[in-house]
Amino acid sequence: MNLDSAINSCPYCGESIEFFIEPLEEVQEYFEDCTVCCQPIQILVIPNIETGTPDVRFLCANDTF
């Protein structure tokens, strides 16, 4: 399995964290705990066909998009 890595800031503590996503052609949504503050982060991965690079959003667990 080939995973892509991305770096984004935790919406709770602001620390930069690296995470891995599986390159798929569909929207992915899952939760992962911040490695610094342990808060649950909602990760939303939206494929971008034009650029080939997915758009990745980190949200607080109770946020809506």
PDB file of N, CA and C in Angstrom:
ATOM      1  N   MET A   1       0.851  -1.175   0.000  1.00  0.00           N
ATOM      2  CA  MET A   1       0.000   0.000   0.000  1.00  0.00           C
ATOM      3  C   MET A   1       0.897   1.237   0.000  1.00  0.00           C
ATOM      4  N   ASN A   2       0.586   2.191  -0.846  1.00  0.00           N
ATOM      5  CA  ASN A   2       1.349   3.416  -0.975  1.00  0.00           C
ATOM      6  C   ASN A   2       0.618   4.536  -0.244  1.00  0.00           C
ATOM      7  N   LEU A   3       1.219   5.110   0.796  1.00  0.00           N
ATOM      8  CA  LEU A   3       0.596   6.178   1.558  1.00  0.00           C
ATOM      9  C   LEU A   3       1.295   7.494   1.277  1.00  0.00           C
ATOM     10  N   ASP A   4       0.513   8.573   1.217  1.00  0.00           N
ATOM     11  CA  ASP A   4       1.063   9.919   1.097  1.00  0.00           C
ATOM     12  C   ASP A   4       1.146  10.519   2.490  1.00  0.00           C
ATOM     13  N   SER A   5       2.122  11.373   2.715  1.00  0.00           N
ATOM     14  CA  SER A   5       2.206  12.059   3.995  1.00  0.00           C
ATOM     15  C   SER A   5       1.842  13.523   3.800  1.00  0.00           C
ATOM     16  N   ALA A   6       1.330  14.119   4.858  1.00  0.00           N
ATOM     17  CA  ALA A   6       0.967  15.532   4.842  1.00  0.00           C
ATOM     18  C   ALA A   6       1.232  16.094   6.231  1.00  0.00           C
ATOM     19  N   ILE A   7       1.475  17.383   6.296  1.00  0.00           N
ATOM     20  CA  ILE A   7       1.682  18.057   7.572  1.00  0.00           C
ATOM     21  C   ILE A   7       0.631  19.148   7.689  1.00  0.00           C
ATOM     22  N   ASN A   8      -0.002  19.212   8.837  1.00  0.00           N
ATOM     23  CA  ASN A   8      -1.031  20.208   9.085  1.00  0.00           C
ATOM     24  C   ASN A   8      -0.988  20.573  10.556  1.00  0.00           C
ATOM     25  N   SER A   9      -1.645  21.661  10.935  1.00  0.00           N
ATOM     26  CA  SER A   9      -1.665  22.103  12.329  1.00  0.00           C
ATOM     27  C   SER A   9      -2.879  21.562  13.052  1.00  0.00           C
ATOM     28  N   CYS A  10      -2.676  21.147  14.296  1.00  0.00           N
ATOM     29  CA  CYS A  10      -3.783  20.679  15.130  1.00  0.00           C
ATOM     30  C   CYS A  10      -4.731  21.848  15.390  1.00  0.00           C
ATOM     31  N   PRO A  11      -6.048  21.661  15.225  1.00  0.00           N
ATOM     32  CA  PRO A  11      -6.990  22.758  15.467  1.00  0.00           C
ATOM     33  C   PRO A  11      -7.135  23.096  16.950  1.00  0.00           C
ATOM     34  N   TYR A  12      -6.604  22.260  17.831  1.00  0.00           N
ATOM     35  CA  TYR A  12      -6.687  22.508  19.271  1.00  0.00           C
ATOM     36  C   TYR A  12      -5.447  23.221  19.806  1.00  0.00           C
ATOM     37  N   CYS A  13      -4.264  22.621  19.592  1.00  0.00           N
ATOM     38  CA  CYS A  13      -3.044  23.158  20.197  1.00  0.00           C
ATOM     39  C   CYS A  13      -2.155  23.911  19.204  1.00  0.00           C
ATOM     40  N   GLY A  14      -2.429  23.782  17.895  1.00  0.00           N
ATOM     41  CA  GLY A  14      -1.678  24.508  16.880  1.00  0.00           C
ATOM     42  C   GLY A  14      -0.359  23.882  16.465  1.00  0.00           C
ATOM     43  N   GLU A  15       0.025  22.775  17.083  1.00  0.00           N
ATOM     44  CA  GLU A  15       1.278  22.110  16.726  1.00  0.00           C
ATOM     45  C   GLU A  15       1.173  21.476  15.337  1.00  0.00           C
ATOM     46  N   SER A  16       2.269  21.512  14.613  1.00  0.00           N
ATOM     47  CA  SER A  16       2.324  20.845  13.308  1.00  0.00           C
ATOM     48  C   SER A  16       2.511  19.353  13.529  1.00  0.00           C
ATOM     49  N   ILE A  17       1.671  18.562  12.881  1.00  0.00           N
ATOM     50  CA  ILE A  17       1.785  17.111  12.993  1.00  0.00           C
ATOM     51  C   ILE A  17       1.744  16.495  11.606  1.00  0.00           C
ATOM     52  N   GLU A  18       2.460  15.402  11.456  1.00  0.00           N
ATOM     53  CA  GLU A  18       2.480  14.669  10.200  1.00  0.00           C
ATOM     54  C   GLU A  18       1.505  13.504  10.305  1.00  0.00           C
ATOM     55  N   PHE A  19       0.788  13.261   9.233  1.00  0.00           N
ATOM     56  CA  PHE A  19      -0.127  12.133   9.187  1.00  0.00           C
ATOM     57  C   PHE A  19      -0.071  11.535   7.797  1.00  0.00           C
ATOM     58  N   PHE A  20      -0.596  10.346   7.672  1.00  0.00           N
ATOM     59  CA  PHE A  20      -0.535   9.619   6.407  1.00  0.00           C
ATOM     60  C   PHE A  20      -1.934   9.377   5.875  1.00  0.00           C
ATOM     61  N   ILE A  21      -2.086   9.544   4.559  1.00  0.00           N
ATOM     62  CA  ILE A  21      -3.378   9.318   3.924  1.00  0.00           C
ATOM     63  C   ILE A  21      -3.191   8.343   2.770  1.00  0.00           C
ATOM     64  N   GLU A  22      -4.212   7.568   2.549  1.00  0.00           N
ATOM     65  CA  GLU A  22      -4.201   6.640   1.420  1.00  0.00           C
ATOM     66  C   GLU A  22      -4.750   7.375   0.203  1.00  0.00           C
ATOM     67  N   PRO A  23      -3.996   7.425  -0.896  1.00  0.00           N
ATOM     68  CA  PRO A  23      -4.473   8.147  -2.082  1.00  0.00           C
ATOM     69  C   PRO A  23      -5.649   7.409  -2.734  1.00  0.00           C
ATOM     70  N   LEU A  24      -6.821   7.959  -2.588  1.00  0.00           N
ATOM     71  CA  LEU A  24      -8.026   7.393  -3.179  1.00  0.00           C
ATOM     72  C   LEU A  24      -8.702   8.450  -4.022  1.00  0.00           C
ATOM     73  N   GLU A  25      -9.644   8.044  -4.838  1.00  0.00           N
ATOM     74  CA  GLU A  25     -10.387   8.980  -5.683  1.00  0.00           C
ATOM     75  C   GLU A  25     -11.731   9.335  -5.078  1.00  0.00           C
ATOM     76  N   GLU A  26     -11.876   9.133  -3.786  1.00  0.00           N
ATOM     77  CA  GLU A  26     -13.125   9.452  -3.109  1.00  0.00           C
ATOM     78  C   GLU A  26     -12.813  10.230  -1.844  1.00  0.00           C
ATOM     79  N   VAL A  27     -13.818  10.941  -1.327  1.00  0.00           N
ATOM     80  CA  VAL A  27     -13.660  11.704  -0.097  1.00  0.00           C
ATOM     81  C   VAL A  27     -13.435  10.739   1.062  1.00  0.00           C
ATOM     82  N   GLN A  28     -12.476  11.082   1.912  1.00  0.00           N
ATOM     83  CA  GLN A  28     -12.195  10.289   3.102  1.00  0.00           C
ATOM     84  C   GLN A  28     -12.444  11.154   4.330  1.00  0.00           C
ATOM     85  N   GLU A  29     -13.027  10.572   5.349  1.00  0.00           N
ATOM     86  CA  GLU A  29     -13.242  11.273   6.605  1.00  0.00           C
ATOM     87  C   GLU A  29     -12.954  10.291   7.732  1.00  0.00           C
ATOM     88  N   TYR A  30     -12.086  10.685   8.626  1.00  0.00           N
ATOM     89  CA  TYR A  30     -11.767   9.825   9.761  1.00  0.00           C
ATOM     90  C   TYR A  30     -11.248  10.663  10.912  1.00  0.00           C
ATOM     91  N   PHE A  31     -11.092  10.049  12.075  1.00  0.00           N
ATOM     92  CA  PHE A  31     -10.607  10.725  13.268  1.00  0.00           C
ATOM     93  C   PHE A  31      -9.268  10.147  13.673  1.00  0.00           C
ATOM     94  N   GLU A  32      -8.383  11.034  14.118  1.00  0.00           N
ATOM     95  CA  GLU A  32      -7.079  10.628  14.606  1.00  0.00           C
ATOM     96  C   GLU A  32      -6.721  11.558  15.758  1.00  0.00           C
ATOM     97  N   ASP A  33      -6.150  11.027  16.820  1.00  0.00           N
ATOM     98  CA  ASP A  33      -5.772  11.855  17.959  1.00  0.00           C
ATOM     99  C   ASP A  33      -4.489  12.619  17.663  1.00  0.00           C
ATOM    100  N   CYS A  34      -4.439  13.877  18.123  1.00  0.00           N
ATOM    101  CA  CYS A  34      -3.226  14.683  17.999  1.00  0.00           C
ATOM    102  C   CYS A  34      -2.127  14.008  18.818  1.00  0.00           C
ATOM    103  N   THR A  35      -0.935  13.927  18.249  1.00  0.00           N
ATOM    104  CA  THR A  35       0.176  13.287  18.942  1.00  0.00           C
ATOM    105  C   THR A  35       0.751  14.171  20.049  1.00  0.00           C
ATOM    106  N   VAL A  36       0.327  15.442  20.107  1.00  0.00           N
ATOM    107  CA  VAL A  36       0.839  16.358  21.123  1.00  0.00           C
ATOM    108  C   VAL A  36      -0.162  16.521  22.273  1.00  0.00           C
ATOM    109  N   CYS A  37      -1.415  16.906  21.937  1.00  0.00           N
ATOM    110  CA  CYS A  37      -2.394  17.194  23.000  1.00  0.00           C
ATOM    111  C   CYS A  37      -3.443  16.096  23.167  1.00  0.00           C
ATOM    112  N   CYS A  38      -3.421  15.090  22.317  1.00  0.00           N
ATOM    113  CA  CYS A  38      -4.311  13.906  22.392  1.00  0.00           C
ATOM    114  C   CYS A  38      -5.785  14.196  22.119  1.00  0.00           C
ATOM    115  N   GLN A  39      -6.101  15.362  21.593  1.00  0.00           N
ATOM    116  CA  GLN A  39      -7.490  15.677  21.250  1.00  0.00           C
ATOM    117  C   GLN A  39      -7.856  14.989  19.933  1.00  0.00           C
ATOM    118  N   PRO A  40      -9.130  14.600  19.764  1.00  0.00           N
ATOM    119  CA  PRO A  40      -9.539  13.949  18.515  1.00  0.00           C
ATOM    120  C   PRO A  40      -9.677  14.965  17.374  1.00  0.00           C
ATOM    121  N   ILE A  41      -8.981  14.708  16.280  1.00  0.00           N
ATOM    122  CA  ILE A  41      -9.022  15.584  15.108  1.00  0.00           C
ATOM    123  C   ILE A  41      -9.811  14.884  14.018  1.00  0.00           C
ATOM    124  N   GLN A  42     -10.784  15.605  13.457  1.00  0.00           N
ATOM    125  CA  GLN A  42     -11.517  15.096  12.311  1.00  0.00           C
ATOM    126  C   GLN A  42     -10.711  15.460  11.076  1.00  0.00           C
ATOM    127  N   ILE A  43     -10.306  14.466  10.303  1.00  0.00           N
ATOM    128  CA  ILE A  43      -9.502  14.696   9.107  1.00  0.00           C
ATOM    129  C   ILE A  43     -10.376  14.448   7.886  1.00  0.00           C
ATOM    130  N   LEU A  44     -10.451  15.440   7.023  1.00  0.00           N
ATOM    131  CA  LEU A  44     -11.248  15.365   5.812  1.00  0.00           C
ATOM    132  C   LEU A  44     -10.304  15.485   4.623  1.00  0.00           C
ATOM    133  N   VAL A  45     -10.294  14.474   3.772  1.00  0.00           N
ATOM    134  CA  VAL A  45      -9.417  14.441   2.601  1.00  0.00           C
ATOM    135  C   VAL A  45     -10.304  14.464   1.357  1.00  0.00           C
ATOM    136  N   ILE A  46     -10.155  15.515   0.555  1.00  0.00           N
ATOM    137  CA  ILE A  46     -10.975  15.699  -0.640  1.00  0.00           C
ATOM    138  C   ILE A  46     -10.069  15.639  -1.867  1.00  0.00           C
ATOM    139  N   PRO A  47     -10.266  14.658  -2.744  1.00  0.00           N
ATOM    140  CA  PRO A  47      -9.425  14.565  -3.944  1.00  0.00           C
ATOM    141  C   PRO A  47      -9.565  15.810  -4.824  1.00  0.00           C
ATOM    142  N   ASN A  48      -8.462  16.256  -5.380  1.00  0.00           N
ATOM    143  CA  ASN A  48      -8.466  17.389  -6.299  1.00  0.00           C
ATOM    144  C   ASN A  48      -7.916  16.879  -7.627  1.00  0.00           C
ATOM    145  N   ILE A  49      -8.800  16.598  -8.548  1.00  0.00           N
ATOM    146  CA  ILE A  49      -8.411  16.006  -9.825  1.00  0.00           C
ATOM    147  C   ILE A  49      -7.546  16.961 -10.641  1.00  0.00           C
ATOM    148  N   GLU A  50      -7.789  18.264 -10.535  1.00  0.00           N
ATOM    149  CA  GLU A  50      -7.034  19.248 -11.319  1.00  0.00           C
ATOM    150  C   GLU A  50      -5.560  19.289 -10.927  1.00  0.00           C
ATOM    151  N   THR A  51      -5.266  19.265  -9.631  1.00  0.00           N
ATOM    152  CA  THR A  51      -3.879  19.382  -9.172  1.00  0.00           C
ATOM    153  C   THR A  51      -3.240  18.028  -8.891  1.00  0.00           C
ATOM    154  N   GLY A  52      -4.058  17.017  -8.665  1.00  0.00           N
ATOM    155  CA  GLY A  52      -3.536  15.702  -8.319  1.00  0.00           C
ATOM    156  C   GLY A  52      -3.161  15.571  -6.853  1.00  0.00           C
ATOM    157  N   THR A  53      -3.254  16.673  -6.117  1.00  0.00           N
ATOM    158  CA  THR A  53      -2.942  16.687  -4.690  1.00  0.00           C
ATOM    159  C   THR A  53      -4.238  16.868  -3.911  1.00  0.00           C
ATOM    160  N   PRO A  54      -4.526  15.998  -2.958  1.00  0.00           N
ATOM    161  CA  PRO A  54      -5.783  16.132  -2.225  1.00  0.00           C
ATOM    162  C   PRO A  54      -5.788  17.357  -1.312  1.00  0.00           C
ATOM    163  N   ASP A  55      -6.973  17.933  -1.123  1.00  0.00           N
ATOM    164  CA  ASP A  55      -7.166  18.998  -0.155  1.00  0.00           C
ATOM    165  C   ASP A  55      -7.428  18.327   1.189  1.00  0.00           C
ATOM    166  N   VAL A  56      -6.672  18.717   2.204  1.00  0.00           N
ATOM    167  CA  VAL A  56      -6.775  18.095   3.520  1.00  0.00           C
ATOM    168  C   VAL A  56      -7.179  19.153   4.530  1.00  0.00           C
ATOM    169  N   ARG A  57      -8.196  18.846   5.320  1.00  0.00           N
ATOM    170  CA  ARG A  57      -8.669  19.765   6.351  1.00  0.00           C
ATOM    171  C   ARG A  57      -8.625  19.067   7.702  1.00  0.00           C
ATOM    172  N   PHE A  58      -8.136  19.770   8.706  1.00  0.00           N
ATOM    173  CA  PHE A  58      -8.166  19.316  10.089  1.00  0.00           C
ATOM    174  C   PHE A  58      -9.255  20.109  10.789  1.00  0.00           C
ATOM    175  N   LEU A  59     -10.182  19.426  11.431  1.00  0.00           N
ATOM    176  CA  LEU A  59     -11.265  20.085  12.138  1.00  0.00           C
ATOM    177  C   LEU A  59     -11.348  19.563  13.561  1.00  0.00           C
ATOM    178  N   CYS A  60     -11.880  20.386  14.460  1.00  0.00           N
ATOM    179  CA  CYS A  60     -12.177  19.905  15.804  1.00  0.00           C
ATOM    180  C   CYS A  60     -13.268  18.854  15.677  1.00  0.00           C
ATOM    181  N   ALA A  61     -13.304  17.920  16.579  1.00  0.00           N
ATOM    182  CA  ALA A  61     -14.236  16.787  16.487  1.00  0.00           C
ATOM    183  C   ALA A  61     -15.689  17.226  16.394  1.00  0.00           C
ATOM    184  N   ASN A  62     -16.034  18.385  16.949  1.00  0.00           N
ATOM    185  CA  ASN A  62     -17.437  18.815  16.928  1.00  0.00           C
ATOM    186  C   ASN A  62     -17.721  19.857  15.845  1.00  0.00           C
ATOM    187  N   ASP A  63     -16.744  20.167  14.984  1.00  0.00           N
ATOM    188  CA  ASP A  63     -16.956  21.101  13.874  1.00  0.00           C
ATOM    189  C   ASP A  63     -17.760  20.439  12.765  1.00  0.00           C
ATOM    190  N   THR A  64     -18.375  21.257  11.949  1.00  0.00           N
ATOM    191  CA  THR A  64     -19.044  20.747  10.756  1.00  0.00           C
ATOM    192  C   THR A  64     -18.401  21.422   9.551  1.00  0.00           C
ATOM    193  N   PHE A  65     -18.489  20.773   8.403  1.00  0.00           N
ATOM    194  CA  PHE A  65     -17.891  21.360   7.191  1.00  0.00           C
ATOM    195  C   PHE A  65     -18.953  21.609   6.169  1.00  0.00           C
TER     196      PHE A  65
END
